[in-house]
């Protein structure tokens, strides 16, 4: 799902490091589809490895956000 949004219709990704970095980003999403979707869409516009590493290394707490949302629902 992440690859579809991050890379679009590209059949072959030129920079294989982006795939590896993308896998790490997806792990940080903790299986939350909305997070995967939104970050994937964001990454579509990020074309350099440095841009991808910035997102990968950024601290964000999805489990807390997710738990708060579920509590409110």
N, C-alpha and C. Protein backbone atom coordinates (compact mmCIF):
# COMPACT_ATOMS: atom_id res chain seq x y z
N UNK A 1 0.83 -1.18 0.00
CA UNK A 1 0.00 0.00 0.00
C UNK A 1 0.88 1.26 0.00
N UNK A 2 1.89 1.27 0.85
CA UNK A 2 2.79 2.42 0.92
C UNK A 2 3.46 2.67 -0.43
N UNK A 3 3.95 1.61 -1.05
CA UNK A 3 4.67 1.75 -2.33
C UNK A 3 3.77 2.32 -3.41
N UNK A 4 2.51 1.93 -3.41
CA UNK A 4 1.57 2.44 -4.40
C UNK A 4 1.47 3.96 -4.31
N UNK A 5 1.37 4.47 -3.10
CA UNK A 5 1.23 5.91 -2.93
C UNK A 5 2.57 6.63 -3.04
N UNK A 6 3.64 6.03 -2.56
CA UNK A 6 4.95 6.69 -2.56
C UNK A 6 5.58 6.72 -3.95
N UNK A 7 5.40 5.64 -4.71
CA UNK A 7 6.06 5.54 -6.01
C UNK A 7 5.10 5.67 -7.18
N UNK A 8 3.82 5.68 -6.93
CA UNK A 8 2.84 5.80 -8.00
C UNK A 8 2.84 4.58 -8.89
N UNK A 9 2.73 4.80 -10.18
CA UNK A 9 2.64 3.71 -11.15
C UNK A 9 3.99 3.20 -11.63
N UNK A 10 5.06 3.68 -11.02
CA UNK A 10 6.39 3.25 -11.45
C UNK A 10 6.54 1.74 -11.24
N UNK A 11 6.86 1.05 -12.30
CA UNK A 11 7.03 -0.41 -12.21
C UNK A 11 8.35 -0.78 -11.54
N UNK A 12 9.35 0.05 -11.77
CA UNK A 12 10.68 -0.23 -11.23
C UNK A 12 11.21 1.05 -10.56
N UNK A 13 11.55 0.93 -9.31
CA UNK A 13 12.09 2.07 -8.58
C UNK A 13 13.59 2.15 -8.86
N UNK A 14 14.03 3.32 -9.31
CA UNK A 14 15.43 3.48 -9.69
C UNK A 14 16.37 3.40 -8.49
N UNK A 15 15.99 3.98 -7.40
CA UNK A 15 16.84 4.00 -6.20
C UNK A 15 16.33 2.95 -5.21
N UNK A 16 16.98 1.82 -5.16
CA UNK A 16 16.56 0.72 -4.28
C UNK A 16 16.66 1.09 -2.81
N UNK A 17 17.51 2.06 -2.49
CA UNK A 17 17.62 2.52 -1.10
C UNK A 17 16.30 3.12 -0.62
N UNK A 18 15.54 3.74 -1.54
CA UNK A 18 14.26 4.31 -1.15
C UNK A 18 13.29 3.22 -0.69
N UNK A 19 13.36 2.06 -1.32
CA UNK A 19 12.50 0.94 -0.92
C UNK A 19 12.87 0.51 0.49
N UNK A 20 14.15 0.40 0.76
CA UNK A 20 14.62 0.01 2.09
C UNK A 20 14.21 1.03 3.15
N UNK A 21 14.40 2.29 2.84
CA UNK A 21 14.01 3.36 3.77
C UNK A 21 12.50 3.35 3.96
N UNK A 22 11.77 3.12 2.87
CA UNK A 22 10.31 3.06 2.94
C UNK A 22 9.83 1.97 3.87
N UNK A 23 10.49 0.83 3.87
CA UNK A 23 10.12 -0.26 4.78
C UNK A 23 10.27 0.16 6.23
N UNK A 24 11.31 0.93 6.52
CA UNK A 24 11.51 1.42 7.89
C UNK A 24 10.43 2.44 8.26
N UNK A 25 10.06 3.27 7.31
CA UNK A 25 9.00 4.25 7.56
C UNK A 25 7.69 3.54 7.85
N UNK A 26 7.38 2.50 7.09
CA UNK A 26 6.14 1.74 7.28
C UNK A 26 6.12 1.10 8.67
N UNK A 27 7.25 0.61 9.14
CA UNK A 27 7.30 0.03 10.49
C UNK A 27 6.88 1.06 11.54
N UNK A 28 7.27 2.31 11.33
CA UNK A 28 6.92 3.36 12.28
C UNK A 28 5.43 3.66 12.27
N UNK A 29 4.73 3.24 11.22
CA UNK A 29 3.29 3.48 11.11
C UNK A 29 2.47 2.47 11.91
N UNK A 30 3.13 1.45 12.44
CA UNK A 30 2.49 0.46 13.30
C UNK A 30 1.23 -0.16 12.70
N UNK A 31 1.23 -0.35 11.39
CA UNK A 31 0.10 -1.02 10.75
C UNK A 31 -1.16 -0.18 10.64
N UNK A 32 -1.07 1.10 10.91
CA UNK A 32 -2.24 1.98 10.85
C UNK A 32 -2.41 2.45 9.39
N UNK A 33 -3.47 1.97 8.72
CA UNK A 33 -3.64 2.27 7.29
C UNK A 33 -3.66 3.76 6.96
N UNK A 34 -4.31 4.57 7.77
CA UNK A 34 -4.38 6.00 7.49
C UNK A 34 -3.00 6.64 7.56
N UNK A 35 -2.18 6.20 8.48
CA UNK A 35 -0.81 6.72 8.58
C UNK A 35 0.01 6.30 7.37
N UNK A 36 -0.12 5.05 6.97
CA UNK A 36 0.60 4.54 5.79
C UNK A 36 0.18 5.32 4.55
N UNK A 37 -1.11 5.53 4.40
CA UNK A 37 -1.64 6.28 3.25
C UNK A 37 -1.08 7.70 3.22
N UNK A 38 -1.21 8.41 4.33
CA UNK A 38 -0.79 9.81 4.37
C UNK A 38 0.71 9.98 4.19
N UNK A 39 1.48 9.16 4.83
CA UNK A 39 2.94 9.28 4.68
C UNK A 39 3.36 8.84 3.29
N UNK A 40 2.71 7.83 2.75
CA UNK A 40 2.99 7.41 1.37
C UNK A 40 2.73 8.54 0.38
N UNK A 41 1.62 9.24 0.55
CA UNK A 41 1.29 10.37 -0.33
C UNK A 41 2.32 11.49 -0.18
N UNK A 42 2.76 11.73 1.05
CA UNK A 42 3.79 12.73 1.29
C UNK A 42 5.08 12.35 0.58
N UNK A 43 5.46 11.07 0.66
CA UNK A 43 6.72 10.62 0.10
C UNK A 43 6.73 10.67 -1.43
N UNK A 44 5.57 10.66 -2.04
CA UNK A 44 5.48 10.74 -3.50
C UNK A 44 6.20 11.99 -4.01
N UNK A 45 6.15 13.06 -3.25
CA UNK A 45 6.76 14.32 -3.66
C UNK A 45 8.21 14.46 -3.20
N UNK A 46 8.68 13.51 -2.42
CA UNK A 46 10.06 13.51 -1.94
C UNK A 46 10.87 12.57 -2.84
N UNK A 47 11.78 13.11 -3.59
CA UNK A 47 12.48 12.30 -4.59
C UNK A 47 13.90 11.92 -4.22
N UNK A 48 14.47 12.59 -3.22
CA UNK A 48 15.86 12.29 -2.89
C UNK A 48 15.95 11.38 -1.66
N UNK A 49 17.02 10.65 -1.60
CA UNK A 49 17.26 9.76 -0.46
C UNK A 49 17.35 10.58 0.84
N UNK A 50 17.93 11.75 0.77
CA UNK A 50 18.05 12.61 1.94
C UNK A 50 16.67 13.01 2.47
N UNK A 51 15.74 13.33 1.57
CA UNK A 51 14.38 13.66 1.99
C UNK A 51 13.72 12.49 2.69
N UNK A 52 13.91 11.30 2.16
CA UNK A 52 13.31 10.10 2.75
C UNK A 52 13.92 9.81 4.12
N UNK A 53 15.22 10.02 4.25
CA UNK A 53 15.88 9.79 5.54
C UNK A 53 15.39 10.77 6.61
N UNK A 54 15.10 12.00 6.21
CA UNK A 54 14.57 12.98 7.16
C UNK A 54 13.24 12.49 7.75
N UNK A 55 12.38 11.96 6.90
CA UNK A 55 11.08 11.45 7.38
C UNK A 55 11.29 10.21 8.23
N UNK A 56 12.17 9.32 7.78
CA UNK A 56 12.43 8.09 8.54
C UNK A 56 12.95 8.40 9.94
N UNK A 57 13.81 9.41 10.04
CA UNK A 57 14.44 9.74 11.32
C UNK A 57 13.61 10.68 12.18
N UNK A 58 12.51 11.16 11.65
CA UNK A 58 11.65 12.07 12.40
C UNK A 58 10.91 11.28 13.49
N UNK A 59 10.85 11.86 14.66
CA UNK A 59 10.13 11.23 15.77
C UNK A 59 8.66 11.57 15.69
N UNK A 60 7.83 10.54 15.68
CA UNK A 60 6.39 10.74 15.82
C UNK A 60 5.80 9.55 16.55
N UNK A 61 4.77 9.80 17.30
CA UNK A 61 4.17 8.80 18.18
C UNK A 61 2.80 8.39 17.67
N UNK A 62 2.74 7.51 16.73
CA UNK A 62 1.45 7.07 16.20
C UNK A 62 0.63 6.25 17.18
N UNK A 63 1.23 5.37 17.97
CA UNK A 63 0.39 4.57 18.87
C UNK A 63 -0.44 5.44 19.82
N UNK A 64 0.15 6.50 20.33
CA UNK A 64 -0.56 7.39 21.24
C UNK A 64 -1.71 8.09 20.52
N UNK A 65 -1.44 8.58 19.35
CA UNK A 65 -2.48 9.25 18.56
C UNK A 65 -3.60 8.26 18.27
N UNK A 66 -3.25 7.07 17.84
CA UNK A 66 -4.23 6.05 17.48
C UNK A 66 -5.08 5.68 18.69
N UNK A 67 -4.46 5.50 19.84
CA UNK A 67 -5.21 5.15 21.05
C UNK A 67 -6.16 6.27 21.44
N UNK A 68 -5.73 7.51 21.31
CA UNK A 68 -6.59 8.65 21.64
C UNK A 68 -7.80 8.70 20.72
N UNK A 69 -7.59 8.45 19.45
CA UNK A 69 -8.70 8.46 18.48
C UNK A 69 -9.69 7.35 18.81
N UNK A 70 -9.19 6.16 19.05
CA UNK A 70 -10.06 5.02 19.36
C UNK A 70 -10.84 5.26 20.65
N UNK A 71 -10.24 5.89 21.62
CA UNK A 71 -10.92 6.18 22.88
C UNK A 71 -12.08 7.14 22.64
N UNK A 72 -11.85 8.13 21.79
CA UNK A 72 -12.89 9.11 21.49
C UNK A 72 -14.03 8.51 20.68
N UNK A 73 -13.73 7.54 19.84
CA UNK A 73 -14.78 6.92 19.02
C UNK A 73 -15.64 6.04 19.89
